[in-house]
Amino acid sequence: NNERVLTKKEFIQLEKIKLEKFISEFNQLLVEAENDPTRSKTYYQDALSIYINKIIPSLTNMQKVIYQIQVIIEEDEKFILTQIIKNQPFSFR
């Protein structure tokens, strides 16, 4: 079994490290695009790919864990966001 149980804090810290790396790669590609106009289209495409495929998913993972909203309940014509799981370890593969 290759599962490792992480606390919410550990998971968020790991995601922050990954996110910093992705943002650094993204910024480096933008710098390279500015420095090499003949290949700038390729650099911009690679930067966009990192943004879509790495940065956005990483931010989404962090938001899911930070907010952990599990249920939306309608009461008296109002919607109530209810957090069911709070500060529980979870599995990360």
Protein backbone atom coordinates (compact mmCIF):
# COMPACT_ATOMS: atom_id res chain seq x y z
CA ASN A 1 0.00 0.00 0.00
CA ASN A 2 1.60 3.26 -1.17
CA GLU A 3 -0.81 5.58 0.60
CA ARG A 4 0.48 8.19 2.95
CA VAL A 5 -1.75 10.01 5.38
CA LEU A 6 -1.16 13.74 5.51
CA THR A 7 -2.65 16.33 7.76
CA LYS A 8 -4.38 19.27 6.16
CA LYS A 9 -1.45 21.52 7.10
CA GLU A 10 1.12 19.13 5.56
CA PHE A 11 -0.86 18.83 2.34
CA ILE A 12 -1.22 22.60 2.01
CA GLN A 13 2.51 23.07 2.65
CA LEU A 14 3.38 20.53 -0.07
CA GLU A 15 0.99 22.20 -2.50
CA LYS A 16 2.52 25.61 -1.73
CA ILE A 17 5.98 24.26 -2.56
CA LYS A 18 4.73 22.77 -5.83
CA LEU A 19 2.86 25.97 -6.65
CA GLU A 20 5.97 28.09 -6.08
CA LYS A 21 7.90 25.81 -8.45
CA PHE A 22 5.19 26.03 -11.12
CA ILE A 23 5.01 29.82 -10.84
CA SER A 24 8.79 30.04 -11.10
CA GLU A 25 8.72 27.92 -14.29
CA PHE A 26 5.89 30.06 -15.66
CA ASN A 27 7.77 33.31 -14.97
CA GLN A 28 10.99 31.94 -16.44
CA LEU A 29 9.20 31.08 -19.68
CA LEU A 30 7.80 34.63 -19.87
CA VAL A 31 11.32 36.04 -19.42
CA GLU A 32 12.66 33.71 -22.12
CA ALA A 33 9.84 34.81 -24.45
CA GLU A 34 10.84 38.43 -23.99
CA ASN A 35 14.53 37.63 -24.55
CA ASP A 36 13.99 35.50 -27.66
CA PRO A 37 11.31 37.06 -29.89
CA THR A 38 11.90 34.47 -32.62
CA ARG A 39 10.69 31.69 -30.30
CA SER A 40 8.35 33.73 -28.12
CA LYS A 41 5.21 31.94 -29.38
CA THR A 42 6.61 28.60 -28.19
CA TYR A 43 7.54 30.05 -24.79
CA TYR A 44 4.10 31.61 -24.38
CA GLN A 45 2.41 28.32 -25.31
CA ASP A 46 4.55 26.45 -22.77
CA ALA A 47 3.78 29.07 -20.11
CA LEU A 48 0.06 28.80 -20.82
CA SER A 49 0.29 25.02 -20.58
CA ILE A 50 1.94 25.26 -17.16
CA TYR A 51 -0.74 27.69 -16.03
CA ILE A 52 -3.62 25.50 -17.20
CA ASN A 53 -2.21 22.07 -16.36
CA LYS A 54 -0.23 22.76 -13.19
CA ILE A 55 -1.00 26.10 -11.52
CA ILE A 56 -4.80 25.98 -11.72
CA PRO A 57 -5.05 22.32 -10.54
CA SER A 58 -2.67 23.04 -7.66
CA LEU A 59 -4.74 26.06 -6.56
CA THR A 60 -7.92 23.99 -6.88
CA ASN A 61 -6.48 21.22 -4.70
CA MET A 62 -5.51 23.74 -2.05
CA GLN A 63 -8.94 25.37 -2.10
CA LYS A 64 -10.70 22.01 -1.76
CA VAL A 65 -8.63 21.14 1.29
CA ILE A 66 -8.70 24.58 2.90
CA TYR A 67 -12.43 25.05 2.62
CA GLN A 68 -13.70 21.42 2.57
CA ILE A 69 -17.30 22.38 1.96
CA GLN A 70 -19.19 19.14 1.75
CA VAL A 71 -22.89 19.99 1.81
CA ILE A 72 -25.09 22.86 0.78
CA ILE A 73 -28.35 22.91 2.74
CA GLU A 74 -31.39 24.99 1.79
CA GLU A 75 -33.29 26.34 4.77
CA ASP A 76 -36.00 28.98 4.65
CA GLU A 77 -35.04 29.90 1.10
CA LYS A 78 -31.42 30.43 2.17
CA PHE A 79 -28.49 28.26 1.20
CA ILE A 80 -26.17 27.24 4.04
CA LEU A 81 -22.69 25.90 3.37
CA THR A 82 -21.92 23.21 5.92
CA GLN A 83 -18.45 21.86 6.57
CA ILE A 84 -18.66 18.25 7.62
CA ILE A 85 -15.02 17.20 7.79
CA LYS A 86 -12.80 19.38 9.92
CA ASN A 87 -9.09 18.89 10.58
CA GLN A 88 -9.16 15.21 9.72
CA PRO A 89 -6.15 13.48 8.14
CA PHE A 90 -6.80 12.26 4.61
CA SER A 91 -5.22 9.91 2.14
CA PHE A 92 -2.93 11.23 -0.57
CA ARG A 93 -1.57 9.06 -3.37
